[in-house]
C-alpha atoms as a PDB file:
ATOM      1  CA  MET A   1    -115.826  34.518 -33.420  1.00  0.00           C
ATOM      2  CA  GLY A   2    -112.111  34.275 -32.533  1.00  0.00           C
ATOM      3  CA  CYS A   3    -109.757  34.795 -35.436  1.00  0.00           C
ATOM      4  CA  PHE A   4    -112.654  35.417 -37.831  1.00  0.00           C
ATOM      5  CA  GLU A   5    -113.791  38.687 -36.289  1.00  0.00           C
ATOM      6  CA  MET A   6    -113.118  41.436 -38.818  1.00  0.00           C
ATOM      7  CA  LYS A   7    -114.177  45.043 -38.870  1.00  0.00           C
ATOM      8  CA  ASN A   8    -115.997  46.359 -41.913  1.00  0.00           C
ATOM      9  CA  ARG A   9    -113.181  48.342 -43.510  1.00  0.00           C
ATOM     10  CA  VAL A  10    -114.669  49.953 -46.582  1.00  0.00           C
ATOM     11  CA  GLY A  11    -114.444  53.373 -48.080  1.00  0.00           C
ATOM     12  CA  SER A  12    -117.307  55.617 -49.088  1.00  0.00           C
ATOM     13  CA  SER A  13    -117.531  53.874 -52.466  1.00  0.00           C
ATOM     14  CA  GLY A  14    -118.251  50.539 -50.779  1.00  0.00           C
ATOM     15  CA  ARG A  15    -114.926  49.094 -51.858  1.00  0.00           C
ATOM     16  CA  PRO A  16    -112.114  48.040 -49.515  1.00  0.00           C
ATOM     17  CA  ARG A  17    -109.648  50.811 -48.855  1.00  0.00           C
ATOM     18  CA  ARG A  18    -106.252  50.630 -50.478  1.00  0.00           C
ATOM     19  CA  GLY A  19    -103.867  48.292 -48.666  1.00  0.00           C
ATOM     20  CA  GLU A  20    -106.655  46.526 -46.777  1.00  0.00           C
ATOM     21  CA  ALA A  21    -107.573  43.875 -49.323  1.00  0.00           C
ATOM     22  CA  LEU A  22    -105.415  41.338 -47.483  1.00  0.00           C
ATOM     23  CA  GLY A  23    -106.604  42.442 -44.044  1.00  0.00           C
ATOM     24  CA  PRO A  24    -108.682  39.312 -43.329  1.00  0.00           C
ATOM     25  CA  PHE A  25    -105.878  37.065 -44.574  1.00  0.00           C
ATOM     26  CA  TRP A  26    -103.239  38.579 -42.280  1.00  0.00           C
ATOM     27  CA  ALA A  27    -105.670  38.718 -39.363  1.00  0.00           C
ATOM     28  CA  ILE A  28    -106.297  34.981 -39.617  1.00  0.00           C
ATOM     29  CA  VAL A  29    -102.598  34.196 -40.051  1.00  0.00           C
ATOM     30  CA  GLY A  30    -101.685  36.291 -37.022  1.00  0.00           C
ATOM     31  CA  ALA A  31    -104.436  34.904 -34.820  1.00  0.00           C
ATOM     32  CA  ASP A  32    -103.636  31.335 -35.806  1.00  0.00           C
ATOM     33  CA  LEU A  33     -99.918  31.719 -35.130  1.00  0.00           C
ATOM     34  CA  ARG A  34    -100.553  33.381 -31.763  1.00  0.00           C
ATOM     35  CA  GLY A  35    -102.808  30.524 -30.766  1.00  0.00           C
ATOM     36  CA  LEU A  36    -100.298  27.896 -31.882  1.00  0.00           C
ATOM     37  CA  PHE A  37     -97.310  29.429 -30.121  1.00  0.00           C
ATOM     38  CA  ARG A  38     -99.274  29.975 -26.913  1.00  0.00           C
ATOM     39  CA  SER A  39    -100.229  26.316 -26.832  1.00  0.00           C
ATOM     40  CA  ARG A  40     -98.684  24.080 -24.197  1.00  0.00           C
ATOM     41  CA  ILE A  41     -98.134  21.495 -26.913  1.00  0.00           C
ATOM     42  CA  THR A  42     -95.737  23.866 -28.644  1.00  0.00           C
ATOM     43  CA  TYR A  43     -93.755  24.583 -25.479  1.00  0.00           C
ATOM     44  CA  VAL A  44     -93.510  20.913 -24.544  1.00  0.00           C
ATOM     45  CA  TRP A  45     -92.417  19.580 -27.904  1.00  0.00           C
ATOM     46  CA  LEU A  46     -89.943  22.378 -28.607  1.00  0.00           C
ATOM     47  CA  LEU A  47     -88.339  21.959 -25.191  1.00  0.00           C
ATOM     48  CA  ALA A  48     -88.231  18.188 -25.604  1.00  0.00           C
ATOM     49  CA  ALA A  49     -86.795  18.413 -29.117  1.00  0.00           C
ATOM     50  CA  THR A  50     -84.146  20.925 -28.053  1.00  0.00           C
ATOM     51  CA  PHE A  51     -83.175  18.856 -25.012  1.00  0.00           C
ATOM     52  CA  ILE A  52     -82.751  15.731 -27.145  1.00  0.00           C
ATOM     53  CA  GLN A  53     -80.526  17.602 -29.593  1.00  0.00           C
ATOM     54  CA  VAL A  54     -78.338  18.896 -26.759  1.00  0.00           C
ATOM     55  CA  VAL A  55     -77.997  15.430 -25.243  1.00  0.00           C
ATOM     56  CA  ARG A  56     -77.243  13.919 -28.659  1.00  0.00           C
ATOM     57  CA  THR A  57     -74.473  16.343 -29.523  1.00  0.00           C
ATOM     58  CA  LEU A  58     -72.892  16.281 -26.067  1.00  0.00           C
ATOM     59  CA  GLY A  59     -72.927  12.492 -26.134  1.00  0.00           C
ATOM     60  CA  ALA A  60     -71.169  12.499 -29.494  1.00  0.00           C
ATOM     61  CA  SER A  61     -68.498  15.008 -28.482  1.00  0.00           C
ATOM     62  CA  GLY A  62     -65.827  12.333 -28.217  1.00  0.00           C
ATOM     63  CA  SER A  63     -66.336  10.259 -31.345  1.00  0.00           C
ATOM     64  CA  GLY A  64     -69.255  11.662 -33.329  1.00  0.00           C
ATOM     65  CA  THR A  65     -69.021  13.394 -36.698  1.00  0.00           C
ATOM     66  CA  THR A  66     -70.926  16.457 -37.804  1.00  0.00           C
ATOM     67  CA  SER A  67     -72.619  14.683 -40.715  1.00  0.00           C
ATOM     68  CA  ALA A  68     -73.797  11.782 -38.544  1.00  0.00           C
ATOM     69  CA  VAL A  69     -75.046  13.946 -35.679  1.00  0.00           C
ATOM     70  CA  VAL A  70     -76.848  16.445 -37.914  1.00  0.00           C
ATOM     71  CA  SER A  71     -78.444  13.650 -39.965  1.00  0.00           C
ATOM     72  CA  SER A  72     -79.587  11.873 -36.813  1.00  0.00           C
ATOM     73  CA  GLY A  73     -81.017  15.084 -35.372  1.00  0.00           C
ATOM     74  CA  LEU A  74     -82.872  15.942 -38.570  1.00  0.00           C
ATOM     75  CA  SER A  75     -84.318  12.425 -38.751  1.00  0.00           C
ATOM     76  CA  ASP A  76     -86.182  13.106 -35.482  1.00  0.00           C
ATOM     77  CA  PHE A  77     -88.446  15.483 -37.390  1.00  0.00           C
ATOM     78  CA  VAL A  78     -89.477  12.741 -39.786  1.00  0.00           C
ATOM     79  CA  TYR A  79     -89.946   9.902 -37.305  1.00  0.00           C
ATOM     80  CA  ILE A  80     -90.952  11.673 -34.072  1.00  0.00           C
ATOM     81  CA  TRP A  81     -91.859  15.355 -34.293  1.00  0.00           C
ATOM     82  CA  SER A  82     -93.861  14.813 -37.458  1.00  0.00           C
ATOM     83  CA  LEU A  83     -96.553  13.412 -35.144  1.00  0.00           C
ATOM     84  CA  VAL A  84     -97.026  16.862 -33.618  1.00  0.00           C
ATOM     85  CA  LEU A  85     -97.184  18.515 -37.031  1.00  0.00           C
ATOM     86  CA  ILE A  86     -99.640  15.902 -38.260  1.00  0.00           C
ATOM     87  CA  GLY A  87    -101.997  16.617 -35.372  1.00  0.00           C
ATOM     88  CA  LEU A  88    -101.808  20.390 -35.802  1.00  0.00           C
ATOM     89  CA  ALA A  89    -102.036  20.434 -39.599  1.00  0.00           C
ATOM     90  CA  ALA A  90    -104.775  17.826 -39.955  1.00  0.00           C
ATOM     91  CA  SER A  91    -106.978  19.628 -37.422  1.00  0.00           C
ATOM     92  CA  SER A  92    -106.441  23.136 -38.807  1.00  0.00           C
ATOM     93  CA  VAL A  93    -109.730  23.484 -40.708  1.00  0.00           C
ATOM     94  CA  SER A  94    -111.998  20.632 -39.638  1.00  0.00           C
ATOM     95  CA  SER A  95    -111.812  21.687 -35.986  1.00  0.00           C
ATOM     96  CA  GLU A  96    -113.268  25.135 -36.826  1.00  0.00           C
ATOM     97  CA  ALA A  97    -116.148  24.123 -39.073  1.00  0.00           C
ATOM     98  CA  GLY A  98    -118.939  25.783 -37.072  1.00  0.00           C
ATOM     99  CA  GLU A  99    -117.078  29.030 -36.472  1.00  0.00           C
ATOM    100  CA  LEU A 100    -115.986  29.156 -40.099  1.00  0.00           C
ATOM    101  CA  ALA A 101    -119.533  28.725 -41.384  1.00  0.00           C
ATOM    102  CA  ASP A 102    -120.767  31.627 -39.241  1.00  0.00           C
ATOM    103  CA  SER A 103    -117.917  33.838 -40.418  1.00  0.00           C
ATOM    104  CA  ILE A 104    -118.434  33.156 -44.115  1.00  0.00           C
ATOM    105  CA  MET A 105    -122.192  33.578 -43.800  1.00  0.00           C
ATOM    106  CA  SER A 106    -121.624  37.001 -42.241  1.00  0.00           C
ATOM    107  CA  LYS A 107    -119.130  37.834 -45.035  1.00  0.00           C
ATOM    108  CA  SER A 108    -116.430  38.869 -42.563  1.00  0.00           C
ATOM    109  CA  VAL A 109    -113.947  36.643 -44.404  1.00  0.00           C
ATOM    110  CA  THR A 110    -113.931  34.994 -47.825  1.00  0.00           C
ATOM    111  CA  ARG A 111    -113.285  31.326 -48.404  1.00  0.00           C
ATOM    112  CA  LEU A 112    -110.064  32.096 -50.263  1.00  0.00           C
ATOM    113  CA  ASP A 113    -108.806  34.356 -47.455  1.00  0.00           C
ATOM    114  CA  TYR A 114    -109.459  31.669 -44.918  1.00  0.00           C
ATOM    115  CA  VAL A 115    -107.991  28.648 -46.682  1.00  0.00           C
ATOM    116  CA  LEU A 116    -104.853  30.436 -47.882  1.00  0.00           C
ATOM    117  CA  ALA A 117    -104.330  31.908 -44.412  1.00  0.00           C
ATOM    118  CA  LYS A 118    -104.527  28.431 -42.914  1.00  0.00           C
ATOM    119  CA  PHE A 119    -101.904  27.138 -45.320  1.00  0.00           C
ATOM    120  CA  ALA A 120     -99.682  30.152 -44.625  1.00  0.00           C
ATOM    121  CA  SER A 121     -99.954  30.048 -40.826  1.00  0.00           C
ATOM    122  CA  ARG A 122     -99.334  26.306 -40.520  1.00  0.00           C
ATOM    123  CA  ILE A 123     -96.363  26.445 -42.895  1.00  0.00           C
ATOM    124  CA  ALA A 124     -94.927  29.407 -40.960  1.00  0.00           C
ATOM    125  CA  TYR A 125     -95.397  27.546 -37.667  1.00  0.00           C
ATOM    126  CA  THR A 126     -93.654  24.477 -39.051  1.00  0.00           C
ATOM    127  CA  LEU A 127     -90.688  26.437 -40.391  1.00  0.00           C
ATOM    128  CA  ILE A 128     -90.245  28.583 -37.277  1.00  0.00           C
ATOM    129  CA  SER A 129     -90.360  25.579 -34.949  1.00  0.00           C
ATOM    130  CA  PHE A 130     -88.015  23.605 -37.195  1.00  0.00           C
ATOM    131  CA  SER A 131     -85.585  26.519 -37.375  1.00  0.00           C
ATOM    132  CA  VAL A 132     -85.417  26.931 -33.591  1.00  0.00           C
ATOM    133  CA  VAL A 133     -84.544  23.291 -32.923  1.00  0.00           C
ATOM    134  CA  THR A 134     -82.246  22.966 -35.939  1.00  0.00           C
ATOM    135  CA  ALA A 135     -80.286  26.069 -34.929  1.00  0.00           C
ATOM    136  CA  VAL A 136     -79.443  24.391 -31.606  1.00  0.00           C
ATOM    137  CA  LEU A 137     -78.549  21.120 -33.336  1.00  0.00           C
ATOM    138  CA  VAL A 138     -76.270  22.696 -35.930  1.00  0.00           C
ATOM    139  CA  GLY A 139     -74.694  25.154 -33.507  1.00  0.00           C
ATOM    140  CA  LEU A 140     -73.577  22.311 -31.248  1.00  0.00           C
ATOM    141  CA  ALA A 141     -72.707  19.867 -34.052  1.00  0.00           C
ATOM    142  CA  LEU A 142     -70.293  22.326 -35.633  1.00  0.00           C
ATOM    143  CA  ARG A 143     -68.220  22.221 -32.441  1.00  0.00           C
ATOM    144  CA  LEU A 144     -67.500  18.505 -32.808  1.00  0.00           C
ATOM    145  CA  GLU A 145     -63.884  17.506 -33.426  1.00  0.00           C
ATOM    146  CA  VAL A 146     -64.675  15.659 -36.686  1.00  0.00           C
ATOM    147  CA  SER A 147     -66.252  18.342 -38.873  1.00  0.00           C
ATOM    148  CA  ASP A 148     -66.911  16.335 -42.038  1.00  0.00           C
ATOM    149  CA  TYR A 149     -69.383  18.705 -43.618  1.00  0.00           C
ATOM    150  CA  ASN A 150     -69.627  20.998 -46.597  1.00  0.00           C
ATOM    151  CA  PRO A 151     -71.297  24.372 -45.864  1.00  0.00           C
ATOM    152  CA  TYR A 152     -73.509  24.162 -48.937  1.00  0.00           C
ATOM    153  CA  GLY A 153     -74.228  20.513 -48.261  1.00  0.00           C
ATOM    154  CA  LEU A 154     -75.238  21.269 -44.679  1.00  0.00           C
ATOM    155  CA  ALA A 155     -77.594  24.019 -45.852  1.00  0.00           C
ATOM    156  CA  SER A 156     -79.010  21.689 -48.526  1.00  0.00           C
ATOM    157  CA  ALA A 157     -79.723  18.953 -45.983  1.00  0.00           C
ATOM    158  CA  ILE A 158     -81.547  21.379 -43.712  1.00  0.00           C
ATOM    159  CA  LEU A 159     -83.587  22.756 -46.612  1.00  0.00           C
ATOM    160  CA  LEU A 160     -84.491  19.241 -47.763  1.00  0.00           C
ATOM    161  CA  ILE A 161     -85.964  18.374 -44.372  1.00  0.00           C
ATOM    162  CA  ALA A 162     -87.694  21.760 -44.222  1.00  0.00           C
ATOM    163  CA  LEU A 163     -89.288  21.027 -47.616  1.00  0.00           C
ATOM    164  CA  THR A 164     -90.330  17.590 -46.378  1.00  0.00           C
ATOM    165  CA  LEU A 165     -92.070  19.098 -43.344  1.00  0.00           C
ATOM    166  CA  VAL A 166     -93.721  21.780 -45.479  1.00  0.00           C
ATOM    167  CA  MET A 167     -95.085  19.036 -47.728  1.00  0.00           C
ATOM    168  CA  LEU A 168     -96.412  17.173 -44.684  1.00  0.00           C
ATOM    169  CA  THR A 169     -98.040  20.352 -43.385  1.00  0.00           C
ATOM    170  CA  VAL A 170     -99.640  21.242 -46.713  1.00  0.00           C
ATOM    171  CA  VAL A 171    -101.027  17.741 -47.204  1.00  0.00           C
ATOM    172  CA  GLY A 172    -102.323  17.826 -43.623  1.00  0.00           C
ATOM    173  CA  VAL A 173    -104.195  21.087 -44.140  1.00  0.00           C
ATOM    174  CA  GLY A 174    -105.528  19.726 -47.426  1.00  0.00           C
ATOM    175  CA  LEU A 175    -106.874  16.607 -45.737  1.00  0.00           C
ATOM    176  CA  SER A 176    -108.364  18.748 -42.978  1.00  0.00           C
ATOM    177  CA  ILE A 177    -110.298  20.579 -45.694  1.00  0.00           C
ATOM    178  CA  ALA A 178    -111.427  17.436 -47.504  1.00  0.00           C
ATOM    179  CA  MET A 179    -112.203  15.114 -44.587  1.00  0.00           C
ATOM    180  CA  PRO A 180    -115.427  15.336 -42.589  1.00  0.00           C
ATOM    181  CA  SER A 181    -113.803  15.275 -39.140  1.00  0.00           C
ATOM    182  CA  THR A 182    -110.542  15.968 -37.366  1.00  0.00           C
ATOM    183  CA  VAL A 183    -110.057  12.346 -36.324  1.00  0.00           C
ATOM    184  CA  THR A 184    -110.535  11.129 -39.893  1.00  0.00           C
ATOM    185  CA  SER A 185    -108.043  13.621 -41.317  1.00  0.00           C
ATOM    186  CA  ILE A 186    -105.418  12.829 -38.657  1.00  0.00           C
ATOM    187  CA  VAL A 187    -105.731   9.074 -39.192  1.00  0.00           C
ATOM    188  CA  ALA A 188    -105.594   9.502 -42.977  1.00  0.00           C
ATOM    189  CA  LEU A 189    -102.461  11.653 -42.730  1.00  0.00           C
ATOM    190  CA  LEU A 190    -100.773   9.231 -40.326  1.00  0.00           C
ATOM    191  CA  VAL A 191    -101.411   6.321 -42.696  1.00  0.00           C
ATOM    192  CA  LEU A 192    -100.227   8.314 -45.709  1.00  0.00           C
ATOM    193  CA  TRP A 193     -97.091   9.673 -44.003  1.00  0.00           C
ATOM    194  CA  TYR A 194     -95.830   6.377 -42.663  1.00  0.00           C
ATOM    195  CA  SER A 195     -96.746   4.602 -45.910  1.00  0.00           C
ATOM    196  CA  MET A 196     -94.573   7.122 -47.755  1.00  0.00           C
ATOM    197  CA  THR A 197     -91.791   6.732 -45.210  1.00  0.00           C
ATOM    198  CA  ILE A 198     -91.730   2.947 -44.928  1.00  0.00           C
ATOM    199  CA  PHE A 199     -93.437   1.377 -47.954  1.00  0.00           C
ATOM    200  CA  PHE A 200     -92.769   3.736 -50.879  1.00  0.00           C
ATOM    201  CA  PRO A 201     -89.141   2.571 -51.274  1.00  0.00           C
ATOM    202  CA  VAL A 202     -90.369  -1.039 -51.470  1.00  0.00           C
ATOM    203  CA  ILE A 203     -92.655  -0.291 -54.435  1.00  0.00           C
ATOM    204  CA  GLY A 204     -90.131   1.802 -56.333  1.00  0.00           C
ATOM    205  CA  LEU A 205     -91.195   5.258 -55.167  1.00  0.00           C
ATOM    206  CA  GLY A 206     -88.096   5.970 -53.128  1.00  0.00           C
ATOM    207  CA  ALA A 207     -87.839   9.505 -54.548  1.00  0.00           C
ATOM    208  CA  LEU A 208     -91.089  10.362 -52.744  1.00  0.00           C
ATOM    209  CA  SER A 209     -90.127   8.698 -49.478  1.00  0.00           C
ATOM    210  CA  PRO A 210     -88.945  10.686 -46.462  1.00  0.00           C
ATOM    211  CA  GLY A 211     -87.318   7.464 -45.286  1.00  0.00           C
ATOM    212  CA  SER A 212     -85.138   7.269 -48.408  1.00  0.00           C
ATOM    213  CA  LEU A 213     -84.269  10.943 -47.981  1.00  0.00           C
ATOM    214  CA  LEU A 214     -82.926  10.265 -44.500  1.00  0.00           C
ATOM    215  CA  GLY A 215     -80.611   7.645 -45.935  1.00  0.00           C
ATOM    216  CA  MET A 216     -79.129  10.264 -48.257  1.00  0.00           C
ATOM    217  CA  LEU A 217     -78.674  12.949 -45.601  1.00  0.00           C
ATOM    218  CA  PRO A 218     -75.141  12.107 -44.369  1.00  0.00           C
ATOM    219  CA  GLY A 219     -73.860  12.289 -47.938  1.00  0.00           C
ATOM    220  CA  VAL A 220     -75.746  15.513 -48.613  1.00  0.00           C
ATOM    221  CA  VAL A 221     -74.249  17.097 -45.488  1.00  0.00           C
ATOM    222  CA  ARG A 222     -70.798  16.190 -46.800  1.00  0.00           C
ATOM    223  CA  GLY A 223     -71.575  17.821 -50.146  1.00  0.00           C
ATOM    224  CA  ALA A 224     -72.959  15.003 -52.285  1.00  0.00           C
ATOM    225  CA  TRP A 225     -75.855  15.971 -54.549  1.00  0.00           C
ATOM    226  CA  GLY A 226     -77.257  14.175 -57.559  1.00  0.00           C
ATOM    227  CA  SER A 227     -80.317  13.291 -59.582  1.00  0.00           C
ATOM    228  CA  SER A 228     -81.954  11.416 -56.689  1.00  0.00           C
ATOM    229  CA  GLU A 229     -82.000  14.546 -54.558  1.00  0.00           C
ATOM    230  CA  TRP A 230     -83.432  16.609 -57.407  1.00  0.00           C
ATOM    231  CA  GLU A 231     -86.148  14.002 -57.962  1.00  0.00           C
ATOM    232  CA  THR A 232     -87.061  14.200 -54.286  1.00  0.00           C
ATOM    233  CA  VAL A 233     -87.233  18.001 -54.386  1.00  0.00           C
ATOM    234  CA  ALA A 234     -89.371  17.972 -57.534  1.00  0.00           C
ATOM    235  CA  GLY A 235     -91.687  15.314 -56.114  1.00  0.00           C
ATOM    236  CA  PHE A 236     -92.225  17.081 -52.786  1.00  0.00           C
ATOM    237  CA  VAL A 237     -92.814  20.444 -54.498  1.00  0.00           C
ATOM    238  CA  ALA A 238     -95.319  18.824 -56.881  1.00  0.00           C
ATOM    239  CA  ILE A 239     -97.193  17.133 -54.028  1.00  0.00           C
ATOM    240  CA  SER A 240     -97.327  20.389 -52.059  1.00  0.00           C
ATOM    241  CA  GLY A 241     -98.539  22.389 -55.037  1.00  0.00           C
ATOM    242  CA  ALA A 242    -101.160  19.845 -56.081  1.00  0.00           C
ATOM    243  CA  SER A 243    -102.479  19.537 -52.539  1.00  0.00           C
ATOM    244  CA  THR A 244    -102.792  23.311 -52.189  1.00  0.00           C
ATOM    245  CA  VAL A 245    -104.546  23.791 -55.530  1.00  0.00           C
ATOM    246  CA  PHE A 246    -106.972  20.885 -55.319  1.00  0.00           C
ATOM    247  CA  SER A 247    -107.917  21.323 -51.667  1.00  0.00           C
ATOM    248  CA  SER A 248    -108.419  25.081 -52.145  1.00  0.00           C
ATOM    249  CA  ALA A 249    -110.619  24.438 -55.175  1.00  0.00           C
ATOM    250  CA  TYR A 250    -112.624  21.883 -53.228  1.00  0.00           C
ATOM    251  CA  PHE A 251    -113.006  24.217 -50.259  1.00  0.00           C
ATOM    252  CA  TYR A 252    -114.189  26.988 -52.559  1.00  0.00           C
ATOM    253  CA  THR A 253    -117.086  24.847 -53.804  1.00  0.00           C
ATOM    254  CA  LYS A 254    -117.936  22.694 -50.769  1.00  0.00           C
ATOM    255  CA  ASP A 255    -121.062  23.182 -48.692  1.00  0.00           C
ATOM    256  CA  ILE A 256    -119.960  24.457 -45.282  1.00  0.00           C
END
């Protein structure tokens, strides 16, 4: 049963022993992360992303600025590497429907353990992968001759993109819970993501658009921060929270 296999850890009273209440949760998180980081997809896209960042910064060594190079590198996560995260997030639950049903029927894991563990493991995967590539990007960009960045602004820009990717991941897991198949959830997330990125600014929802955020990044790296950035943060946090709550509630009541 893969990551759902759990031993019956109960005391003589029939209750879980102290400190083991979260055992199934952590077991699923650990198993899911091990599977993700052992995947060839992970190796390929992390190597490709790192290589592109190295080439970008070396190519800009003569005339590039830190704010421009960092902003360009971070934009790759929205336009390119988001495709990998979409595929992994939107297939997180729907691809395991049969195995999940057997596990819940045997009471080796609760619905809440499972769904929260899926959110946690996919968010952790997203942040770890993002951190690895971004560390290379920033480490090289800081060596450029024109260092037009503010330390707090640079950190803010990185955190903004990290929040954007967390939102994408959470919505993807939510759609994987709600949609009947992996293909349906991936297509739905692709349409939603690129609608937010390209069309939201046109209809006056620029604060919720990753595309609009990318336009603000160079200024944020240099230290600019205003109401638009706060609106984006609030909107992405609200979307992430609503997706987690509603999809978890739906999963708790759905017929598996």
